[in-house]
Amino acid sequence: MRVILIVGALLLILGLLSLFIPIPTREKHGFTAGPISVGVETTDRQKVPPVVSGILIAGGIALIIVGARKRA
């Protein structure tokens, strides 16, 4: 029962953080010809869609409620 409560709290925190913190992604573009390597690394920051954040928050709250009821 306590595990459900902890997982719910983690989902809630993850959902709240995903609303504000963008996730960086790195891509390397280039080619290699023998011992010579030429390339460019690009970094892009993307936020998680608000619908996904909302689902994480709702799921976290639901698990916290279920975990608290089973514990009491």
PDB file of N, CA and C in Angstrom:
ATOM      1  N   MET A   1       0.816  -1.188   0.000  1.00  0.00           N
ATOM      2  CA  MET A   1       0.000   0.000   0.000  1.00  0.00           C
ATOM      3  C   MET A   1       0.866   1.261   0.000  1.00  0.00           C
ATOM      4  N   ARG A   2       1.962   1.200   0.721  1.00  0.00           N
ATOM      5  CA  ARG A   2       2.848   2.358   0.784  1.00  0.00           C
ATOM      6  C   ARG A   2       3.528   2.600  -0.565  1.00  0.00           C
ATOM      7  N   VAL A   3       3.742   1.520  -1.322  1.00  0.00           N
ATOM      8  CA  VAL A   3       4.373   1.642  -2.633  1.00  0.00           C
ATOM      9  C   VAL A   3       3.475   2.463  -3.571  1.00  0.00           C
ATOM     10  N   ILE A   4       2.167   2.237  -3.501  1.00  0.00           N
ATOM     11  CA  ILE A   4       1.231   2.995  -4.338  1.00  0.00           C
ATOM     12  C   ILE A   4       1.309   4.479  -4.007  1.00  0.00           C
ATOM     13  N   LEU A   5       1.423   4.788  -2.740  1.00  0.00           N
ATOM     14  CA  LEU A   5       1.525   6.180  -2.302  1.00  0.00           C
ATOM     15  C   LEU A   5       2.810   6.828  -2.826  1.00  0.00           C
ATOM     16  N   ILE A   6       3.904   6.114  -2.766  1.00  0.00           N
ATOM     17  CA  ILE A   6       5.193   6.635  -3.242  1.00  0.00           C
ATOM     18  C   ILE A   6       5.179   6.817  -4.763  1.00  0.00           C
ATOM     19  N   VAL A   7       4.640   5.850  -5.488  1.00  0.00           N
ATOM     20  CA  VAL A   7       4.555   5.961  -6.947  1.00  0.00           C
ATOM     21  C   VAL A   7       3.656   7.134  -7.334  1.00  0.00           C
ATOM     22  N   GLY A   8       2.565   7.325  -6.605  1.00  0.00           N
ATOM     23  CA  GLY A   8       1.684   8.456  -6.864  1.00  0.00           C
ATOM     24  C   GLY A   8       2.384   9.785  -6.642  1.00  0.00           C
ATOM     25  N   ALA A   9       3.161   9.878  -5.570  1.00  0.00           N
ATOM     26  CA  ALA A   9       3.902  11.111  -5.302  1.00  0.00           C
ATOM     27  C   ALA A   9       4.942  11.374  -6.396  1.00  0.00           C
ATOM     28  N   LEU A  10       5.617  10.331  -6.862  1.00  0.00           N
ATOM     29  CA  LEU A  10       6.599  10.490  -7.936  1.00  0.00           C
ATOM     30  C   LEU A  10       5.937  10.944  -9.237  1.00  0.00           C
ATOM     31  N   LEU A  11       4.775  10.369  -9.558  1.00  0.00           N
ATOM     32  CA  LEU A  11       4.060  10.787 -10.762  1.00  0.00           C
ATOM     33  C   LEU A  11       3.610  12.241 -10.667  1.00  0.00           C
ATOM     34  N   LEU A  12       3.151  12.641  -9.496  1.00  0.00           N
ATOM     35  CA  LEU A  12       2.713  14.019  -9.290  1.00  0.00           C
ATOM     36  C   LEU A  12       3.883  14.987  -9.469  1.00  0.00           C
ATOM     37  N   ILE A  13       5.009  14.673  -8.870  1.00  0.00           N
ATOM     38  CA  ILE A  13       6.197  15.532  -8.992  1.00  0.00           C
ATOM     39  C   ILE A  13       6.682  15.574 -10.445  1.00  0.00           C
ATOM     40  N   LEU A  14       6.714  14.432 -11.098  1.00  0.00           N
ATOM     41  CA  LEU A  14       7.139  14.370 -12.494  1.00  0.00           C
ATOM     42  C   LEU A  14       6.206  15.175 -13.392  1.00  0.00           C
ATOM     43  N   GLY A  15       4.913  15.086 -13.145  1.00  0.00           N
ATOM     44  CA  GLY A  15       3.945  15.846 -13.928  1.00  0.00           C
ATOM     45  C   GLY A  15       4.108  17.340 -13.739  1.00  0.00           C
ATOM     46  N   LEU A  16       4.325  17.781 -12.507  1.00  0.00           N
ATOM     47  CA  LEU A  16       4.515  19.204 -12.251  1.00  0.00           C
ATOM     48  C   LEU A  16       5.814  19.720 -12.876  1.00  0.00           C
ATOM     49  N   LEU A  17       6.874  18.938 -12.769  1.00  0.00           N
ATOM     50  CA  LEU A  17       8.145  19.352 -13.364  1.00  0.00           C
ATOM     51  C   LEU A  17       8.075  19.402 -14.885  1.00  0.00           C
ATOM     52  N   SER A  18       7.312  18.474 -15.476  1.00  0.00           N
ATOM     53  CA  SER A  18       7.227  18.442 -16.938  1.00  0.00           C
ATOM     54  C   SER A  18       6.491  19.653 -17.504  1.00  0.00           C
ATOM     55  N   LEU A  19       5.750  20.370 -16.679  1.00  0.00           N
ATOM     56  CA  LEU A  19       5.088  21.586 -17.143  1.00  0.00           C
ATOM     57  C   LEU A  19       6.077  22.727 -17.357  1.00  0.00           C
ATOM     58  N   PHE A  20       7.170  22.738 -16.586  1.00  0.00           N
ATOM     59  CA  PHE A  20       8.062  23.892 -16.578  1.00  0.00           C
ATOM     60  C   PHE A  20       9.449  23.630 -17.148  1.00  0.00           C
ATOM     61  N   ILE A  21       9.934  22.406 -17.083  1.00  0.00           N
ATOM     62  CA  ILE A  21      11.309  22.112 -17.482  1.00  0.00           C
ATOM     63  C   ILE A  21      11.328  21.428 -18.847  1.00  0.00           C
ATOM     64  N   PRO A  22      11.945  22.044 -19.850  1.00  0.00           N
ATOM     65  CA  PRO A  22      12.040  21.404 -21.165  1.00  0.00           C
ATOM     66  C   PRO A  22      13.080  20.279 -21.159  1.00  0.00           C
ATOM     67  N   ILE A  23      12.862  19.311 -22.017  1.00  0.00           N
ATOM     68  CA  ILE A  23      13.756  18.154 -22.120  1.00  0.00           C
ATOM     69  C   ILE A  23      14.722  18.406 -23.277  1.00  0.00           C
ATOM     70  N   PRO A  24      16.029  18.436 -22.992  1.00  0.00           N
ATOM     71  CA  PRO A  24      16.988  18.671 -24.089  1.00  0.00           C
ATOM     72  C   PRO A  24      17.238  17.391 -24.891  1.00  0.00           C
ATOM     73  N   THR A  25      17.326  17.547 -26.195  1.00  0.00           N
ATOM     74  CA  THR A  25      17.681  16.428 -27.064  1.00  0.00           C
ATOM     75  C   THR A  25      18.867  16.864 -27.924  1.00  0.00           C
ATOM     76  N   ARG A  26      19.798  15.951 -28.114  1.00  0.00           N
ATOM     77  CA  ARG A  26      20.991  16.255 -28.908  1.00  0.00           C
ATOM     78  C   ARG A  26      21.034  15.340 -30.116  1.00  0.00           C
ATOM     79  N   GLU A  27      21.388  15.916 -31.235  1.00  0.00           N
ATOM     80  CA  GLU A  27      21.542  15.158 -32.472  1.00  0.00           C
ATOM     81  C   GLU A  27      22.883  15.501 -33.092  1.00  0.00           C
ATOM     82  N   LYS A  28      23.551  14.490 -33.602  1.00  0.00           N
ATOM     83  CA  LYS A  28      24.825  14.722 -34.265  1.00  0.00           C
ATOM     84  C   LYS A  28      24.647  14.434 -35.747  1.00  0.00           C
ATOM     85  N   HIS A  29      24.980  15.420 -36.573  1.00  0.00           N
ATOM     86  CA  HIS A  29      24.881  15.307 -38.014  1.00  0.00           C
ATOM     87  C   HIS A  29      26.293  15.408 -38.586  1.00  0.00           C
ATOM     88  N   GLY A  30      26.602  14.528 -39.479  1.00  0.00           N
ATOM     89  CA  GLY A  30      27.916  14.599 -40.096  1.00  0.00           C
ATOM     90  C   GLY A  30      28.247  13.338 -40.858  1.00  0.00           C
ATOM     91  N   PHE A  31      29.500  13.241 -41.253  1.00  0.00           N
ATOM     92  CA  PHE A  31      29.959  12.061 -41.966  1.00  0.00           C
ATOM     93  C   PHE A  31      31.409  11.781 -41.628  1.00  0.00           C
ATOM     94  N   THR A  32      31.811  10.544 -41.889  1.00  0.00           N
ATOM     95  CA  THR A  32      33.182  10.113 -41.652  1.00  0.00           C
ATOM     96  C   THR A  32      33.751   9.578 -42.962  1.00  0.00           C
ATOM     97  N   ALA A  33      34.927  10.059 -43.314  1.00  0.00           N
ATOM     98  CA  ALA A  33      35.609   9.585 -44.511  1.00  0.00           C
ATOM     99  C   ALA A  33      37.029   9.199 -44.104  1.00  0.00           C
ATOM    100  N   GLY A  34      37.218   7.920 -43.884  1.00  0.00           N
ATOM    101  CA  GLY A  34      38.527   7.441 -43.438  1.00  0.00           C
ATOM    102  C   GLY A  34      38.824   7.965 -42.038  1.00  0.00           C
ATOM    103  N   PRO A  35      40.003   8.567 -41.830  1.00  0.00           N
ATOM    104  CA  PRO A  35      40.344   9.068 -40.505  1.00  0.00           C
ATOM    105  C   PRO A  35      39.753  10.457 -40.206  1.00  0.00           C
ATOM    106  N   ILE A  36      39.067  11.043 -41.190  1.00  0.00           N
ATOM    107  CA  ILE A  36      38.534  12.397 -41.019  1.00  0.00           C
ATOM    108  C   ILE A  36      37.042  12.321 -40.694  1.00  0.00           C
ATOM    109  N   SER A  37      36.662  13.043 -39.681  1.00  0.00           N
ATOM    110  CA  SER A  37      35.262  13.087 -39.289  1.00  0.00           C
ATOM    111  C   SER A  37      34.805  14.540 -39.222  1.00  0.00           C
ATOM    112  N   VAL A  38      33.718  14.838 -39.909  1.00  0.00           N
ATOM    113  CA  VAL A  38      33.172  16.186 -39.927  1.00  0.00           C
ATOM    114  C   VAL A  38      31.728  16.096 -39.441  1.00  0.00           C
ATOM    115  N   GLY A  39      31.399  16.947 -38.494  1.00  0.00           N
ATOM    116  CA  GLY A  39      30.030  16.879 -37.998  1.00  0.00           C
ATOM    117  C   GLY A  39      29.644  18.102 -37.189  1.00  0.00           C
ATOM    118  N   VAL A  40      28.352  18.205 -36.963  1.00  0.00           N
ATOM    119  CA  VAL A  40      27.781  19.287 -36.175  1.00  0.00           C
ATOM    120  C   VAL A  40      26.810  18.663 -35.180  1.00  0.00           C
ATOM    121  N   GLU A  41      26.884  19.119 -33.952  1.00  0.00           N
ATOM    122  CA  GLU A  41      25.957  18.633 -32.932  1.00  0.00           C
ATOM    123  C   GLU A  41      24.962  19.748 -32.622  1.00  0.00           C
ATOM    124  N   THR A  42      23.669  19.424 -32.729  1.00  0.00           N
ATOM    125  CA  THR A  42      22.628  20.407 -32.442  1.00  0.00           C
ATOM    126  C   THR A  42      21.882  20.004 -31.174  1.00  0.00           C
ATOM    127  N   THR A  43      21.464  20.996 -30.423  1.00  0.00           N
ATOM    128  CA  THR A  43      20.689  20.757 -29.203  1.00  0.00           C
ATOM    129  C   THR A  43      19.350  21.458 -29.340  1.00  0.00           C
ATOM    130  N   ASP A  44      18.292  20.730 -29.024  1.00  0.00           N
ATOM    131  CA  ASP A  44      16.947  21.274 -29.102  1.00  0.00           C
ATOM    132  C   ASP A  44      16.239  20.986 -27.782  1.00  0.00           C
ATOM    133  N   ARG A  45      15.500  21.958 -27.292  1.00  0.00           N
ATOM    134  CA  ARG A  45      14.751  21.783 -26.038  1.00  0.00           C
ATOM    135  C   ARG A  45      13.268  21.747 -26.361  1.00  0.00           C
ATOM    136  N   GLN A  46      12.615  20.671 -25.911  1.00  0.00           N
ATOM    137  CA  GLN A  46      11.197  20.517 -26.174  1.00  0.00           C
ATOM    138  C   GLN A  46      10.456  20.282 -24.867  1.00  0.00           C
ATOM    139  N   LYS A  47       9.324  20.951 -24.739  1.00  0.00           N
ATOM    140  CA  LYS A  47       8.480  20.729 -23.568  1.00  0.00           C
ATOM    141  C   LYS A  47       7.531  19.581 -23.846  1.00  0.00           C
ATOM    142  N   VAL A  48       7.164  18.888 -22.780  1.00  0.00           N
ATOM    143  CA  VAL A  48       6.191  17.813 -22.880  1.00  0.00           C
ATOM    144  C   VAL A  48       4.824  18.451 -23.119  1.00  0.00           C
ATOM    145  N   PRO A  49       3.988  17.872 -23.971  1.00  0.00           N
ATOM    146  CA  PRO A  49       2.660  18.447 -24.193  1.00  0.00           C
ATOM    147  C   PRO A  49       1.874  18.550 -22.876  1.00  0.00           C
ATOM    148  N   PRO A  50       1.108  19.624 -22.703  1.00  0.00           N
ATOM    149  CA  PRO A  50       0.359  19.816 -21.459  1.00  0.00           C
ATOM    150  C   PRO A  50      -0.618  18.681 -21.150  1.00  0.00           C
ATOM    151  N   VAL A  51      -1.119  18.013 -22.187  1.00  0.00           N
ATOM    152  CA  VAL A  51      -2.043  16.896 -21.960  1.00  0.00           C
ATOM    153  C   VAL A  51      -1.324  15.765 -21.221  1.00  0.00           C
ATOM    154  N   VAL A  52      -0.103  15.481 -21.613  1.00  0.00           N
ATOM    155  CA  VAL A  52       0.682  14.431 -20.960  1.00  0.00           C
ATOM    156  C   VAL A  52       0.978  14.820 -19.513  1.00  0.00           C
ATOM    157  N   SER A  53       1.325  16.079 -19.284  1.00  0.00           N
ATOM    158  CA  SER A  53       1.572  16.548 -17.921  1.00  0.00           C
ATOM    159  C   SER A  53       0.313  16.429 -17.078  1.00  0.00           C
ATOM    160  N   GLY A  54      -0.827  16.778 -17.652  1.00  0.00           N
ATOM    161  CA  GLY A  54      -2.095  16.661 -16.934  1.00  0.00           C
ATOM    162  C   GLY A  54      -2.431  15.231 -16.575  1.00  0.00           C
ATOM    163  N   ILE A  55      -2.156  14.306 -17.482  1.00  0.00           N
ATOM    164  CA  ILE A  55      -2.410  12.885 -17.209  1.00  0.00           C
ATOM    165  C   ILE A  55      -1.504  12.396 -16.085  1.00  0.00           C
ATOM    166  N   LEU A  56      -0.232  12.802 -16.096  1.00  0.00           N
ATOM    167  CA  LEU A  56       0.686  12.416 -15.026  1.00  0.00           C
ATOM    168  C   LEU A  56       0.227  12.968 -13.681  1.00  0.00           C
ATOM    169  N   ILE A  57      -0.205  14.217 -13.660  1.00  0.00           N
ATOM    170  CA  ILE A  57      -0.660  14.836 -12.411  1.00  0.00           C
ATOM    171  C   ILE A  57      -1.926  14.143 -11.907  1.00  0.00           C
ATOM    172  N   ALA A  58      -2.885  13.901 -12.796  1.00  0.00           N
ATOM    173  CA  ALA A  58      -4.130  13.243 -12.392  1.00  0.00           C
ATOM    174  C   ALA A  58      -3.874  11.816 -11.904  1.00  0.00           C
ATOM    175  N   GLY A  59      -3.000  11.107 -12.595  1.00  0.00           N
ATOM    176  CA  GLY A  59      -2.660   9.752 -12.167  1.00  0.00           C
ATOM    177  C   GLY A  59      -1.962   9.744 -10.819  1.00  0.00           C
ATOM    178  N   GLY A  60      -1.092  10.706 -10.601  1.00  0.00           N
ATOM    179  CA  GLY A  60      -0.405  10.801  -9.318  1.00  0.00           C
ATOM    180  C   GLY A  60      -1.369  11.089  -8.176  1.00  0.00           C
ATOM    181  N   ILE A  61      -2.296  12.014  -8.404  1.00  0.00           N
ATOM    182  CA  ILE A  61      -3.287  12.331  -7.368  1.00  0.00           C
ATOM    183  C   ILE A  61      -4.175  11.126  -7.082  1.00  0.00           C
ATOM    184  N   ALA A  62      -4.589  10.425  -8.145  1.00  0.00           N
ATOM    185  CA  ALA A  62      -5.432   9.240  -7.963  1.00  0.00           C
ATOM    186  C   ALA A  62      -4.698   8.162  -7.157  1.00  0.00           C
ATOM    187  N   LEU A  63      -3.443   7.920  -7.458  1.00  0.00           N
ATOM    188  CA  LEU A  63      -2.685   6.900  -6.719  1.00  0.00           C
ATOM    189  C   LEU A  63      -2.446   7.321  -5.273  1.00  0.00           C
ATOM    190  N   ILE A  64      -2.242   8.599  -5.028  1.00  0.00           N
ATOM    191  CA  ILE A  64      -2.071   9.074  -3.654  1.00  0.00           C
ATOM    192  C   ILE A  64      -3.360   8.848  -2.864  1.00  0.00           C
ATOM    193  N   ILE A  65      -4.498   9.142  -3.477  1.00  0.00           N
ATOM    194  CA  ILE A  65      -5.781   8.939  -2.785  1.00  0.00           C
ATOM    195  C   ILE A  65      -6.016   7.458  -2.512  1.00  0.00           C
ATOM    196  N   VAL A  66      -5.771   6.608  -3.504  1.00  0.00           N
ATOM    197  CA  VAL A  66      -5.958   5.160  -3.324  1.00  0.00           C
ATOM    198  C   VAL A  66      -5.006   4.620  -2.253  1.00  0.00           C
ATOM    199  N   GLY A  67      -3.749   5.057  -2.285  1.00  0.00           N
ATOM    200  CA  GLY A  67      -2.773   4.604  -1.298  1.00  0.00           C
ATOM    201  C   GLY A  67      -3.113   5.062   0.105  1.00  0.00           C
ATOM    202  N   ALA A  68      -3.648   6.274   0.238  1.00  0.00           N
ATOM    203  CA  ALA A  68      -4.010   6.787   1.558  1.00  0.00           C
ATOM    204  C   ALA A  68      -5.248   6.072   2.098  1.00  0.00           C
ATOM    205  N   ARG A  69      -6.199   5.748   1.243  1.00  0.00           N
ATOM    206  CA  ARG A  69      -7.418   5.039   1.704  1.00  0.00           C
ATOM    207  C   ARG A  69      -7.111   3.613   2.136  1.00  0.00           C
ATOM    208  N   LYS A  70      -6.272   2.920   1.382  1.00  0.00           N
ATOM    209  CA  LYS A  70      -5.940   1.533   1.737  1.00  0.00           C
ATOM    210  C   LYS A  70      -5.104   1.465   2.998  1.00  0.00           C
ATOM    211  N   ARG A  71      -4.355   2.518   3.246  1.00  0.00           N
ATOM    212  CA  ARG A  71      -3.478   2.528   4.420  1.00  0.00           C
ATOM    213  C   ARG A  71      -4.267   2.793   5.692  1.00  0.00           C
ATOM    214  N   ALA A  72      -5.307   3.608   5.598  1.00  0.00           N
ATOM    215  CA  ALA A  72      -6.090   3.993   6.791  1.00  0.00           C
ATOM    216  C   ALA A  72      -7.044   2.932   7.240  1.00  0.00           C
TER     217      ALA A  72
END
